[in-house]
Amino acid sequence: MNERIHKYFYEELSTEERLSLLRDVEASEELKKEFAEYQNLYALLNLGHQVQDKAIGKQKYDRFILQKQHAIMWKRWTRRIGYAAAILILVVSTSILTYWYAQPEQTEFLSENVMNTVYAPAGQRAQLVLQDGTEVWLNAGSRLDYPSAFAEERRVYLTGEGFFKVAKDKTRPFVVSTQTIDIKALGTEFNVLSYPKSKYAEVSLQEGSVKAYFPESESEGLILSPGQLLVQKGDSLKLENMNWDELLWKKGIYVFRKQKLETIIEKLALYFNVDIIVRNPEILEYEYVGKFRQRDGIMTILKVIQDIHHFKIEKNDELNQIVLSK
């Protein structure tokens, strides 16, 4: 076991020591394989903000260290570091899925630029750090495709909803591509919503500046200022004021501020990957104000709303459907 690798993932090395280790990893195939193995295991330490979950992850990591000391080695090594990092997805009891990828310095030894995919299952979230240092949060039912190392342009592909805290790099713009629009930034913080089943896409800017545009007509795009929300429907782009509460999904909280059930139901269906059928159209006009935790689950959320508006709820697990009626 290389003690420096152990200290690297416990953040016990200085910047100079980290860089020295990475240079050695680049020069040694044996170290490179060992680093990739530890890189995967370290994901267990990044299981969100719950102390209990971190303790569980750390126990598993320490157990692995002990096994290494007793020479119980894995027989199969993953050939590509990017792929090795991509295949480890851990779902924990808090319904938070956290994925750790490469630190910025690791760019040096990513020998093959492969495409990786991270997916946040229904009712869960995901978090990752890209090779350039950009932090990404994925909402439930969302997917991010990205290269193991960026070239002249930092482009990723989002399906669903994601929040991006982009690492600054004036020479390489960061682009998020969705099914309808692209969003370009240099260094900023913004949220993108673009689920396949949704009739619209949204971009919310928290900090910095971004440009949203249709891929075929970038010059006609709109530039957002902090606090603005861009809504794309069909071939139109419209700017509005954003609701800051809607970004709380990063912490596992869904906030509804006097929203119609039509909007709430649409979001819940996307977040929990279930078909919600409304038998009586007047139900869609009901309004609701409240907060929910993601881990409460869709049935708990609907039952709380039901206590106020008095509609019936029927769940069909075989068809993956929830039916609302009077």
C-alpha atoms as a PDB file:
ATOM      1  CA  MET A   1       0.000   0.000   0.000  1.00  0.00           C
ATOM      2  CA  ASN A   2       1.333   3.445  -0.919  1.00  0.00           C
ATOM      3  CA  GLU A   3       0.930   5.641   2.153  1.00  0.00           C
ATOM      4  CA  ARG A   4       0.884   8.831   0.095  1.00  0.00           C
ATOM      5  CA  ILE A   5      -2.196   7.671  -1.816  1.00  0.00           C
ATOM      6  CA  HIS A   6      -3.913   6.967   1.488  1.00  0.00           C
ATOM      7  CA  LYS A   7      -3.059  10.473   2.738  1.00  0.00           C
ATOM      8  CA  TYR A   8      -4.106  12.011  -0.584  1.00  0.00           C
ATOM      9  CA  PHE A   9      -7.684  10.828  -0.166  1.00  0.00           C
ATOM     10  CA  TYR A  10      -7.741  11.844   3.481  1.00  0.00           C
ATOM     11  CA  GLU A  11      -6.558  15.327   2.380  1.00  0.00           C
ATOM     12  CA  GLU A  12      -3.423  15.089   4.508  1.00  0.00           C
ATOM     13  CA  LEU A  13      -0.984  16.164   1.778  1.00  0.00           C
ATOM     14  CA  SER A  14       0.113  19.679   0.929  1.00  0.00           C
ATOM     15  CA  THR A  15      -0.385  21.029  -2.583  1.00  0.00           C
ATOM     16  CA  GLU A  16       3.258  20.317  -3.422  1.00  0.00           C
ATOM     17  CA  GLU A  17       3.000  16.764  -2.091  1.00  0.00           C
ATOM     18  CA  ARG A  18      -0.204  16.163  -4.040  1.00  0.00           C
ATOM     19  CA  LEU A  19       1.401  17.308  -7.284  1.00  0.00           C
ATOM     20  CA  SER A  20       4.492  15.214  -6.587  1.00  0.00           C
ATOM     21  CA  LEU A  21       2.338  12.141  -6.056  1.00  0.00           C
ATOM     22  CA  LEU A  22       0.401  12.731  -9.268  1.00  0.00           C
ATOM     23  CA  ARG A  23       3.633  13.049 -11.237  1.00  0.00           C
ATOM     24  CA  ASP A  24       4.767   9.713  -9.801  1.00  0.00           C
ATOM     25  CA  VAL A  25       1.415   8.163 -10.662  1.00  0.00           C
ATOM     26  CA  GLU A  26       1.794   9.331 -14.237  1.00  0.00           C
ATOM     27  CA  ALA A  27       5.199   7.669 -14.473  1.00  0.00           C
ATOM     28  CA  SER A  28       4.216   4.337 -12.900  1.00  0.00           C
ATOM     29  CA  GLU A  29       1.596   1.934 -14.237  1.00  0.00           C
ATOM     30  CA  GLU A  30       1.471   0.159 -10.880  1.00  0.00           C
ATOM     31  CA  LEU A  31       0.791   3.396  -8.993  1.00  0.00           C
ATOM     32  CA  LYS A  32      -1.719   4.445 -11.627  1.00  0.00           C
ATOM     33  CA  LYS A  33      -3.752   1.268 -11.086  1.00  0.00           C
ATOM     34  CA  GLU A  34      -3.571   1.574  -7.317  1.00  0.00           C
ATOM     35  CA  PHE A  35      -4.636   5.216  -7.483  1.00  0.00           C
ATOM     36  CA  ALA A  36      -7.649   4.337  -9.637  1.00  0.00           C
ATOM     37  CA  GLU A  37      -8.695   1.690  -7.128  1.00  0.00           C
ATOM     38  CA  TYR A  38      -8.484   4.084  -4.195  1.00  0.00           C
ATOM     39  CA  GLN A  39     -10.215   6.771  -6.225  1.00  0.00           C
ATOM     40  CA  ASN A  40     -13.261   4.537  -6.473  1.00  0.00           C
ATOM     41  CA  LEU A  41     -13.241   3.585  -2.798  1.00  0.00           C
ATOM     42  CA  TYR A  42     -12.956   7.193  -1.722  1.00  0.00           C
ATOM     43  CA  ALA A  43     -16.415   7.864  -3.117  1.00  0.00           C
ATOM     44  CA  LEU A  44     -17.691   6.172   0.039  1.00  0.00           C
ATOM     45  CA  LEU A  45     -16.451   9.153   2.047  1.00  0.00           C
ATOM     46  CA  ASN A  46     -18.453  11.646   0.029  1.00  0.00           C
ATOM     47  CA  LEU A  47     -21.970  10.561   0.894  1.00  0.00           C
ATOM     48  CA  GLY A  48     -23.487  13.942   1.583  1.00  0.00           C
ATOM     49  CA  HIS A  49     -23.748  15.990   4.748  1.00  0.00           C
ATOM     50  CA  GLN A  50     -25.160  13.325   7.070  1.00  0.00           C
ATOM     51  CA  VAL A  51     -22.539  12.495   9.717  1.00  0.00           C
ATOM     52  CA  GLN A  52     -23.887   8.989  10.148  1.00  0.00           C
ATOM     53  CA  ASP A  53     -23.534   8.235   6.454  1.00  0.00           C
ATOM     54  CA  LYS A  54     -20.021   9.628   6.343  1.00  0.00           C
ATOM     55  CA  ALA A  55     -19.097   7.405   9.273  1.00  0.00           C
ATOM     56  CA  ILE A  56     -20.436   4.365   7.432  1.00  0.00           C
ATOM     57  CA  GLY A  57     -18.472   5.310   4.324  1.00  0.00           C
ATOM     58  CA  LYS A  58     -15.310   5.838   6.328  1.00  0.00           C
ATOM     59  CA  GLN A  59     -15.683   2.479   8.058  1.00  0.00           C
ATOM     60  CA  LYS A  60     -15.947   0.750   4.687  1.00  0.00           C
ATOM     61  CA  TYR A  61     -12.937   2.658   3.398  1.00  0.00           C
ATOM     62  CA  ASP A  62     -10.859   1.766   6.471  1.00  0.00           C
ATOM     63  CA  ARG A  63     -11.940  -1.864   6.151  1.00  0.00           C
ATOM     64  CA  PHE A  64     -10.629  -1.809   2.604  1.00  0.00           C
ATOM     65  CA  ILE A  65      -7.310  -0.372   3.808  1.00  0.00           C
ATOM     66  CA  LEU A  66      -7.016  -3.242   6.281  1.00  0.00           C
ATOM     67  CA  GLN A  67      -7.657  -5.747   3.526  1.00  0.00           C
ATOM     68  CA  LYS A  68      -4.923  -4.135   1.462  1.00  0.00           C
ATOM     69  CA  GLN A  69      -2.495  -4.520   4.361  1.00  0.00           C
ATOM     70  CA  HIS A  70      -3.278  -8.239   4.428  1.00  0.00           C
ATOM     71  CA  ALA A  71      -2.583  -8.514   0.721  1.00  0.00           C
ATOM     72  CA  ILE A  72      -6.178  -9.258  -0.259  1.00  0.00           C
ATOM     73  CA  MET A  73      -5.986  -7.666  -3.683  1.00  0.00           C
ATOM     74  CA  TRP A  74      -8.620  -7.239  -6.327  1.00  0.00           C
ATOM     75  CA  LYS A  75      -7.906  -9.595  -9.224  1.00  0.00           C
ATOM     76  CA  ARG A  76      -9.288  -7.377 -11.920  1.00  0.00           C
ATOM     77  CA  TRP A  77      -8.209  -3.829 -12.506  1.00  0.00           C
ATOM     78  CA  THR A  78     -10.144  -1.355 -14.548  1.00  0.00           C
ATOM     79  CA  ARG A  79      -8.101  -0.312 -17.572  1.00  0.00           C
ATOM     80  CA  ARG A  80      -9.241   3.256 -17.797  1.00  0.00           C
ATOM     81  CA  ILE A  81      -9.177   5.637 -14.899  1.00  0.00           C
ATOM     82  CA  GLY A  82     -12.108   7.621 -16.299  1.00  0.00           C
ATOM     83  CA  TYR A  83     -14.193   4.480 -16.687  1.00  0.00           C
ATOM     84  CA  ALA A  84     -13.145   3.201 -13.288  1.00  0.00           C
ATOM     85  CA  ALA A  85     -14.441   6.353 -11.672  1.00  0.00           C
ATOM     86  CA  ALA A  86     -17.629   6.307 -13.687  1.00  0.00           C
ATOM     87  CA  ILE A  87     -18.790   2.814 -12.766  1.00  0.00           C
ATOM     88  CA  LEU A  88     -19.019   3.378  -9.021  1.00  0.00           C
ATOM     89  CA  ILE A  89     -22.444   4.685  -8.080  1.00  0.00           C
ATOM     90  CA  LEU A  90     -23.513   4.308  -4.475  1.00  0.00           C
ATOM     91  CA  VAL A  91     -27.076   4.697  -3.214  1.00  0.00           C
ATOM     92  CA  VAL A  92     -27.371   5.424   0.509  1.00  0.00           C
ATOM     93  CA  SER A  93     -30.195   5.474   3.046  1.00  0.00           C
ATOM     94  CA  THR A  94     -30.516   9.245   2.991  1.00  0.00           C
ATOM     95  CA  SER A  95     -31.488   9.064  -0.689  1.00  0.00           C
ATOM     96  CA  ILE A  96     -28.411  11.085  -1.571  1.00  0.00           C
ATOM     97  CA  LEU A  97     -26.125   9.628  -4.195  1.00  0.00           C
ATOM     98  CA  THR A  98     -22.723  11.325  -4.282  1.00  0.00           C
ATOM     99  CA  TYR A  99     -20.157  10.672  -6.954  1.00  0.00           C
ATOM    100  CA  TRP A 100     -16.532  11.810  -6.697  1.00  0.00           C
ATOM    101  CA  TYR A 101     -14.398  12.142  -9.759  1.00  0.00           C
ATOM    102  CA  ALA A 102     -10.918  13.558 -10.466  1.00  0.00           C
ATOM    103  CA  GLN A 103      -9.313  16.595  -8.882  1.00  0.00           C
ATOM    104  CA  PRO A 104      -8.079  19.287 -11.316  1.00  0.00           C
ATOM    105  CA  GLU A 105      -4.442  18.199 -10.967  1.00  0.00           C
ATOM    106  CA  GLN A 106      -5.292  14.712 -12.186  1.00  0.00           C
ATOM    107  CA  THR A 107      -5.659  15.897 -15.759  1.00  0.00           C
ATOM    108  CA  GLU A 108      -1.999  15.055 -16.332  1.00  0.00           C
ATOM    109  CA  PHE A 109      -2.428  11.296 -16.231  1.00  0.00           C
ATOM    110  CA  LEU A 110      -5.853  10.784 -17.818  1.00  0.00           C
ATOM    111  CA  SER A 111      -4.331   8.966 -20.755  1.00  0.00           C
ATOM    112  CA  GLU A 112      -7.571   8.267 -22.608  1.00  0.00           C
ATOM    113  CA  ASN A 113     -10.401  10.764 -23.024  1.00  0.00           C
ATOM    114  CA  VAL A 114     -13.502   8.636 -22.618  1.00  0.00           C
ATOM    115  CA  MET A 115     -17.109   9.689 -22.110  1.00  0.00           C
ATOM    116  CA  ASN A 116     -18.529   9.075 -18.656  1.00  0.00           C
ATOM    117  CA  THR A 117     -22.110   9.053 -17.422  1.00  0.00           C
ATOM    118  CA  VAL A 118     -23.532   9.797 -13.988  1.00  0.00           C
ATOM    119  CA  TYR A 119     -27.204   9.137 -13.327  1.00  0.00           C
ATOM    120  CA  ALA A 120     -29.306  10.158 -10.304  1.00  0.00           C
ATOM    121  CA  PRO A 121     -32.133   7.631  -9.927  1.00  0.00           C
ATOM    122  CA  ALA A 122     -35.719   8.647  -9.132  1.00  0.00           C
ATOM    123  CA  GLY A 123     -36.082  10.061  -5.632  1.00  0.00           C
ATOM    124  CA  GLN A 124     -32.328  10.610  -5.211  1.00  0.00           C
ATOM    125  CA  ARG A 125     -29.634  13.156  -5.976  1.00  0.00           C
ATOM    126  CA  ALA A 126     -26.067  13.009  -7.216  1.00  0.00           C
ATOM    127  CA  GLN A 127     -23.009  15.194  -6.766  1.00  0.00           C
ATOM    128  CA  LEU A 128     -19.722  15.130  -8.636  1.00  0.00           C
ATOM    129  CA  VAL A 129     -16.618  17.177  -9.351  1.00  0.00           C
ATOM    130  CA  LEU A 130     -15.466  17.286 -12.950  1.00  0.00           C
ATOM    131  CA  GLN A 131     -11.846  17.088 -14.056  1.00  0.00           C
ATOM    132  CA  ASP A 132     -11.551  20.901 -14.306  1.00  0.00           C
ATOM    133  CA  GLY A 133     -12.845  21.470 -10.772  1.00  0.00           C
ATOM    134  CA  THR A 134     -16.426  22.292 -11.781  1.00  0.00           C
ATOM    135  CA  GLU A 135     -18.936  21.100  -9.179  1.00  0.00           C
ATOM    136  CA  VAL A 136     -22.201  19.549 -10.360  1.00  0.00           C
ATOM    137  CA  TRP A 137     -25.371  18.568  -8.510  1.00  0.00           C
ATOM    138  CA  LEU A 138     -27.948  16.392 -10.274  1.00  0.00           C
ATOM    139  CA  ASN A 139     -31.605  16.278  -9.297  1.00  0.00           C
ATOM    140  CA  ALA A 140     -33.668  13.091  -9.287  1.00  0.00           C
ATOM    141  CA  GLY A 141     -34.046  11.301 -12.611  1.00  0.00           C
ATOM    142  CA  SER A 142     -31.207  13.300 -14.185  1.00  0.00           C
ATOM    143  CA  ARG A 143     -28.194  12.255 -16.238  1.00  0.00           C
ATOM    144  CA  LEU A 144     -24.899  13.937 -17.095  1.00  0.00           C
ATOM    145  CA  ASP A 145     -22.563  12.816 -19.897  1.00  0.00           C
ATOM    146  CA  TYR A 146     -19.079  14.321 -19.851  1.00  0.00           C
ATOM    147  CA  PRO A 147     -15.521  13.572 -21.055  1.00  0.00           C
ATOM    148  CA  SER A 148     -12.848  12.371 -18.673  1.00  0.00           C
ATOM    149  CA  ALA A 149     -10.720  15.362 -19.720  1.00  0.00           C
ATOM    150  CA  PHE A 150     -11.746  18.593 -21.428  1.00  0.00           C
ATOM    151  CA  ALA A 151     -10.126  19.920 -24.589  1.00  0.00           C
ATOM    152  CA  GLU A 152     -10.449  23.474 -25.934  1.00  0.00           C
ATOM    153  CA  GLU A 153     -14.129  23.543 -25.025  1.00  0.00           C
ATOM    154  CA  ARG A 154     -15.617  22.207 -21.804  1.00  0.00           C
ATOM    155  CA  ARG A 155     -18.899  20.692 -22.984  1.00  0.00           C
ATOM    156  CA  VAL A 156     -21.220  18.415 -21.007  1.00  0.00           C
ATOM    157  CA  TYR A 157     -24.635  16.972 -21.858  1.00  0.00           C
ATOM    158  CA  LEU A 158     -27.515  17.219 -19.393  1.00  0.00           C
ATOM    159  CA  THR A 159     -30.814  15.378 -19.330  1.00  0.00           C
ATOM    160  CA  GLY A 160     -32.976  16.442 -16.397  1.00  0.00           C
ATOM    161  CA  GLU A 161     -31.958  19.072 -13.845  1.00  0.00           C
ATOM    162  CA  GLY A 162     -28.507  20.085 -12.685  1.00  0.00           C
ATOM    163  CA  PHE A 163     -26.784  22.887 -10.792  1.00  0.00           C
ATOM    164  CA  PHE A 164     -23.326  23.902 -12.000  1.00  0.00           C
ATOM    165  CA  LYS A 165     -20.637  25.763 -10.078  1.00  0.00           C
ATOM    166  CA  VAL A 166     -18.235  26.305 -12.949  1.00  0.00           C
ATOM    167  CA  ALA A 167     -14.487  26.542 -12.379  1.00  0.00           C
ATOM    168  CA  LYS A 168     -13.151  29.728 -13.939  1.00  0.00           C
ATOM    169  CA  ASP A 169     -11.172  29.366 -17.155  1.00  0.00           C
ATOM    170  CA  LYS A 170     -11.271  32.380 -19.478  1.00  0.00           C
ATOM    171  CA  THR A 171      -9.660  30.437 -22.311  1.00  0.00           C
ATOM    172  CA  ARG A 172     -12.184  27.587 -22.328  1.00  0.00           C
ATOM    173  CA  PRO A 173     -15.917  28.283 -22.122  1.00  0.00           C
ATOM    174  CA  PHE A 174     -18.098  25.802 -20.259  1.00  0.00           C
ATOM    175  CA  VAL A 175     -21.148  24.647 -22.238  1.00  0.00           C
ATOM    176  CA  VAL A 176     -24.137  22.659 -21.005  1.00  0.00           C
ATOM    177  CA  SER A 177     -26.045  21.071 -23.890  1.00  0.00           C
ATOM    178  CA  THR A 178     -29.669  20.003 -23.384  1.00  0.00           C
ATOM    179  CA  GLN A 179     -32.232  18.542 -25.759  1.00  0.00           C
ATOM    180  CA  THR A 180     -33.287  22.036 -26.857  1.00  0.00           C
ATOM    181  CA  ILE A 181     -30.834  24.749 -25.821  1.00  0.00           C
ATOM    182  CA  ASP A 182     -27.172  25.311 -24.930  1.00  0.00           C
ATOM    183  CA  ILE A 183     -25.904  27.371 -21.993  1.00  0.00           C
ATOM    184  CA  LYS A 184     -22.424  28.909 -22.156  1.00  0.00           C
ATOM    185  CA  ALA A 185     -20.404  30.231 -19.214  1.00  0.00           C
ATOM    186  CA  LEU A 186     -16.811  30.953 -18.214  1.00  0.00           C
ATOM    187  CA  GLY A 187     -17.042  30.853 -14.419  1.00  0.00           C
ATOM    188  CA  THR A 188     -20.418  31.081 -12.735  1.00  0.00           C
ATOM    189  CA  GLU A 189     -23.174  29.305 -10.807  1.00  0.00           C
ATOM    190  CA  PHE A 190     -26.431  28.374 -12.498  1.00  0.00           C
ATOM    191  CA  ASN A 191     -29.235  25.821 -12.609  1.00  0.00           C
ATOM    192  CA  VAL A 192     -30.567  24.062 -15.710  1.00  0.00           C
ATOM    193  CA  LEU A 193     -33.846  22.141 -15.963  1.00  0.00           C
ATOM    194  CA  SER A 194     -34.547  20.134 -19.117  1.00  0.00           C
ATOM    195  CA  TYR A 195     -36.330  16.811 -18.598  1.00  0.00           C
ATOM    196  CA  PRO A 196     -37.285  14.836 -21.737  1.00  0.00           C
ATOM    197  CA  LYS A 197     -40.971  14.716 -20.725  1.00  0.00           C
ATOM    198  CA  SER A 198     -41.128  18.420 -19.882  1.00  0.00           C
ATOM    199  CA  LYS A 199     -42.625  20.885 -22.359  1.00  0.00           C
ATOM    200  CA  TYR A 200     -40.100  23.564 -21.431  1.00  0.00           C
ATOM    201  CA  ALA A 201     -36.542  24.184 -20.256  1.00  0.00           C
ATOM    202  CA  GLU A 202     -35.340  26.631 -17.616  1.00  0.00           C
ATOM    203  CA  VAL A 203     -32.045  28.302 -16.745  1.00  0.00           C
ATOM    204  CA  SER A 204     -31.650  30.086 -13.388  1.00  0.00           C
ATOM    205  CA  LEU A 205     -28.572  32.213 -12.725  1.00  0.00           C
ATOM    206  CA  GLN A 206     -27.279  32.532  -9.186  1.00  0.00           C
ATOM    207  CA  GLU A 207     -23.920  34.184  -9.832  1.00  0.00           C
ATOM    208  CA  GLY A 208     -21.891  35.460 -12.777  1.00  0.00           C
ATOM    209  CA  SER A 209     -23.223  35.517 -16.327  1.00  0.00           C
ATOM    210  CA  VAL A 210     -24.420  32.916 -18.818  1.00  0.00           C
ATOM    211  CA  LYS A 211     -25.776  32.926 -22.339  1.00  0.00           C
ATOM    212  CA  ALA A 212     -28.639  30.628 -23.342  1.00  0.00           C
ATOM    213  CA  TYR A 213     -29.308  29.971 -27.000  1.00  0.00           C
ATOM    214  CA  PHE A 214     -30.531  27.518 -29.600  1.00  0.00           C
ATOM    215  CA  PRO A 215     -27.522  25.633 -31.046  1.00  0.00           C
ATOM    216  CA  GLU A 216     -28.291  26.738 -34.589  1.00  0.00           C
ATOM    217  CA  SER A 217     -28.527  30.455 -33.680  1.00  0.00           C
ATOM    218  CA  GLU A 218     -26.119  31.344 -30.878  1.00  0.00           C
ATOM    219  CA  SER A 219     -26.031  35.014 -31.911  1.00  0.00           C
ATOM    220  CA  GLU A 220     -29.728  35.317 -31.059  1.00  0.00           C
ATOM    221  CA  GLY A 221     -29.345  33.954 -27.547  1.00  0.00           C
ATOM    222  CA  LEU A 222     -30.094  35.817 -24.319  1.00  0.00           C
ATOM    223  CA  ILE A 223     -27.602  36.777 -21.602  1.00  0.00           C
ATOM    224  CA  LEU A 224     -28.785  36.312 -18.026  1.00  0.00           C
ATOM    225  CA  SER A 225     -27.946  38.400 -14.969  1.00  0.00           C
ATOM    226  CA  PRO A 226     -27.968  36.995 -11.411  1.00  0.00           C
ATOM    227  CA  GLY A 227     -31.511  36.433 -10.175  1.00  0.00           C
ATOM    228  CA  GLN A 228     -32.944  35.941 -13.640  1.00  0.00           C
ATOM    229  CA  LEU A 229     -34.775  32.898 -14.965  1.00  0.00           C
ATOM    230  CA  LEU A 230     -34.852  31.983 -18.645  1.00  0.00           C
ATOM    231  CA  VAL A 231     -37.782  29.893 -19.848  1.00  0.00           C
ATOM    232  CA  GLN A 232     -37.651  28.116 -23.198  1.00  0.00           C
ATOM    233  CA  LYS A 233     -40.911  26.947 -24.768  1.00  0.00           C
ATOM    234  CA  GLY A 234     -40.924  25.898 -28.390  1.00  0.00           C
ATOM    235  CA  ASP A 235     -38.831  28.387 -30.337  1.00  0.00           C
ATOM    236  CA  SER A 236     -39.142  31.223 -27.809  1.00  0.00           C
ATOM    237  CA  LEU A 237     -36.812  32.366 -25.012  1.00  0.00           C
ATOM    238  CA  LYS A 238     -38.221  34.529 -22.215  1.00  0.00           C
ATOM    239  CA  LEU A 239     -36.585  36.152 -19.173  1.00  0.00           C
ATOM    240  CA  GLU A 240     -38.294  36.304 -15.766  1.00  0.00           C
ATOM    241  CA  ASN A 241     -37.315  36.768 -12.119  1.00  0.00           C
ATOM    242  CA  MET A 242     -36.225  33.500 -10.523  1.00  0.00           C
ATOM    243  CA  ASN A 243     -37.506  31.934  -7.306  1.00  0.00           C
ATOM    244  CA  TRP A 244     -34.430  31.302  -5.178  1.00  0.00           C
ATOM    245  CA  ASP A 245     -36.234  28.654  -3.116  1.00  0.00           C
ATOM    246  CA  GLU A 246     -36.316  26.346  -6.110  1.00  0.00           C
ATOM    247  CA  LEU A 247     -32.556  25.824  -5.800  1.00  0.00           C
ATOM    248  CA  LEU A 248     -33.032  24.143  -2.414  1.00  0.00           C
ATOM    249  CA  TRP A 249     -33.430  20.827  -4.235  1.00  0.00           C
ATOM    250  CA  LYS A 250     -29.622  20.637  -3.941  1.00  0.00           C
ATOM    251  CA  LYS A 251     -30.178  20.047  -0.219  1.00  0.00           C
ATOM    252  CA  GLY A 252     -33.011  17.610  -0.801  1.00  0.00           C
ATOM    253  CA  ILE A 253     -35.802  20.136  -0.214  1.00  0.00           C
ATOM    254  CA  TYR A 254     -38.651  20.855  -2.615  1.00  0.00           C
ATOM    255  CA  VAL A 255     -40.359  24.215  -2.093  1.00  0.00           C
ATOM    256  CA  PHE A 256     -43.711  25.205  -3.599  1.00  0.00           C
ATOM    257  CA  ARG A 257     -44.784  28.850  -3.279  1.00  0.00           C
ATOM    258  CA  LYS A 258     -48.482  29.142  -4.123  1.00  0.00           C
ATOM    259  CA  GLN A 259     -48.044  26.969  -7.184  1.00  0.00           C
ATOM    260  CA  LYS A 260     -50.859  25.230  -8.989  1.00  0.00           C
ATOM    261  CA  LEU A 261     -51.046  21.487  -8.606  1.00  0.00           C
ATOM    262  CA  GLU A 262     -50.581  21.218 -12.359  1.00  0.00           C
ATOM    263  CA  THR A 263     -47.008  22.481 -11.928  1.00  0.00           C
ATOM    264  CA  ILE A 264     -46.381  20.551  -8.715  1.00  0.00           C
ATOM    265  CA  ILE A 265     -47.642  17.278 -10.179  1.00  0.00           C
ATOM    266  CA  GLU A 266     -45.502  17.690 -13.281  1.00  0.00           C
ATOM    267  CA  LYS A 267     -42.363  18.166 -11.180  1.00  0.00           C
ATOM    268  CA  LEU A 268     -43.148  15.284  -8.842  1.00  0.00           C
ATOM    269  CA  ALA A 269     -43.706  12.977 -11.808  1.00  0.00           C
ATOM    270  CA  LEU A 270     -40.265  13.918 -13.147  1.00  0.00           C
ATOM    271  CA  TYR A 271     -38.461  13.725  -9.799  1.00  0.00           C
ATOM    272  CA  PHE A 272     -39.907  10.324  -8.856  1.00  0.00           C
ATOM    273  CA  ASN A 273     -40.258   8.837 -12.359  1.00  0.00           C
ATOM    274  CA  VAL A 274     -43.930   7.947 -12.070  1.00  0.00           C
ATOM    275  CA  ASP A 275     -46.990   8.652 -14.221  1.00  0.00           C
ATOM    276  CA  ILE A 276     -49.522  10.829 -12.400  1.00  0.00           C
ATOM    277  CA  ILE A 277     -52.987  10.746 -13.949  1.00  0.00           C
ATOM    278  CA  VAL A 278     -55.553  13.381 -12.938  1.00  0.00           C
ATOM    279  CA  ARG A 279     -59.147  12.301 -13.539  1.00  0.00           C
ATOM    280  CA  ASN A 280     -60.728  15.647 -12.692  1.00  0.00           C
ATOM    281  CA  PRO A 281     -59.198  18.759 -14.337  1.00  0.00           C
ATOM    282  CA  GLU A 282     -60.263  21.057 -11.479  1.00  0.00           C
ATOM    283  CA  ILE A 283     -57.652  19.359  -9.280  1.00  0.00           C
ATOM    284  CA  LEU A 284     -54.950  20.922 -11.443  1.00  0.00           C
ATOM    285  CA  GLU A 285     -56.182  24.408 -10.489  1.00  0.00           C
ATOM    286  CA  TYR A 286     -55.675  23.908  -6.758  1.00  0.00           C
ATOM    287  CA  GLU A 287     -52.811  25.896  -5.248  1.00  0.00           C
ATOM    288  CA  TYR A 288     -50.402  24.825  -2.559  1.00  0.00           C
ATOM    289  CA  VAL A 289     -47.704  26.406  -0.391  1.00  0.00           C
ATOM    290  CA  GLY A 290     -45.229  24.212   1.432  1.00  0.00           C
ATOM    291  CA  LYS A 291     -41.877  22.459   1.779  1.00  0.00           C
ATOM    292  CA  PHE A 292     -41.013  18.798   1.524  1.00  0.00           C
ATOM    293  CA  ARG A 293     -37.905  16.705   1.960  1.00  0.00           C
ATOM    294  CA  GLN A 294     -36.974  14.551  -0.987  1.00  0.00           C
ATOM    295  CA  ARG A 295     -36.680  11.521   1.244  1.00  0.00           C
ATOM    296  CA  ASP A 296     -40.335  11.917   2.313  1.00  0.00           C
ATOM    297  CA  GLY A 297     -41.307  10.241  -0.956  1.00  0.00           C
ATOM    298  CA  ILE A 298     -44.041  11.079  -3.428  1.00  0.00           C
ATOM    299  CA  MET A 299     -46.900   9.392  -1.557  1.00  0.00           C
ATOM    300  CA  THR A 300     -46.204  11.336   1.642  1.00  0.00           C
ATOM    301  CA  ILE A 301     -46.064  14.582  -0.329  1.00  0.00           C
ATOM    302  CA  LEU A 302     -49.355  13.897  -2.107  1.00  0.00           C
ATOM    303  CA  LYS A 303     -51.083  12.876   1.132  1.00  0.00           C
ATOM    304  CA  VAL A 304     -50.096  16.146   2.811  1.00  0.00           C
ATOM    305  CA  ILE A 305     -51.569  18.091  -0.121  1.00  0.00           C
ATOM    306  CA  GLN A 306     -54.591  15.783  -0.036  1.00  0.00           C
ATOM    307  CA  ASP A 307     -55.334  16.830   3.564  1.00  0.00           C
ATOM    308  CA  ILE A 308     -55.948  20.353   2.298  1.00  0.00           C
ATOM    309  CA  HIS A 309     -57.658  19.799  -1.045  1.00  0.00           C
ATOM    310  CA  HIS A 310     -59.430  16.479  -0.356  1.00  0.00           C
ATOM    311  CA  PHE A 311     -58.883  14.417  -3.490  1.00  0.00           C
ATOM    312  CA  LYS A 312     -58.476  10.656  -3.755  1.00  0.00           C
ATOM    313  CA  ILE A 313     -55.146   8.924  -4.382  1.00  0.00           C
ATOM    314  CA  GLU A 314     -54.806   5.500  -5.982  1.00  0.00           C
ATOM    315  CA  LYS A 315     -51.423   3.895  -6.586  1.00  0.00           C
ATOM    316  CA  ASN A 316     -50.775   1.131  -9.116  1.00  0.00           C
ATOM    317  CA  ASP A 317     -47.261  -0.252  -8.669  1.00  0.00           C
ATOM    318  CA  GLU A 318     -47.526  -2.608 -11.643  1.00  0.00           C
ATOM    319  CA  LEU A 319     -48.264   0.257 -14.042  1.00  0.00           C
ATOM    320  CA  ASN A 320     -46.068   2.730 -12.135  1.00  0.00           C
ATOM    321  CA  GLN A 321     -49.043   5.081 -11.927  1.00  0.00           C
ATOM    322  CA  ILE A 322     -50.687   7.321  -9.375  1.00  0.00           C
ATOM    323  CA  VAL A 323     -54.267   8.392 -10.088  1.00  0.00           C
ATOM    324  CA  LEU A 324     -55.809  11.503  -8.522  1.00  0.00           C
ATOM    325  CA  SER A 325     -59.578  11.945  -8.548  1.00  0.00           C
ATOM    326  CA  LYS A 326     -62.427  13.632  -6.669  1.00  0.00           C
END
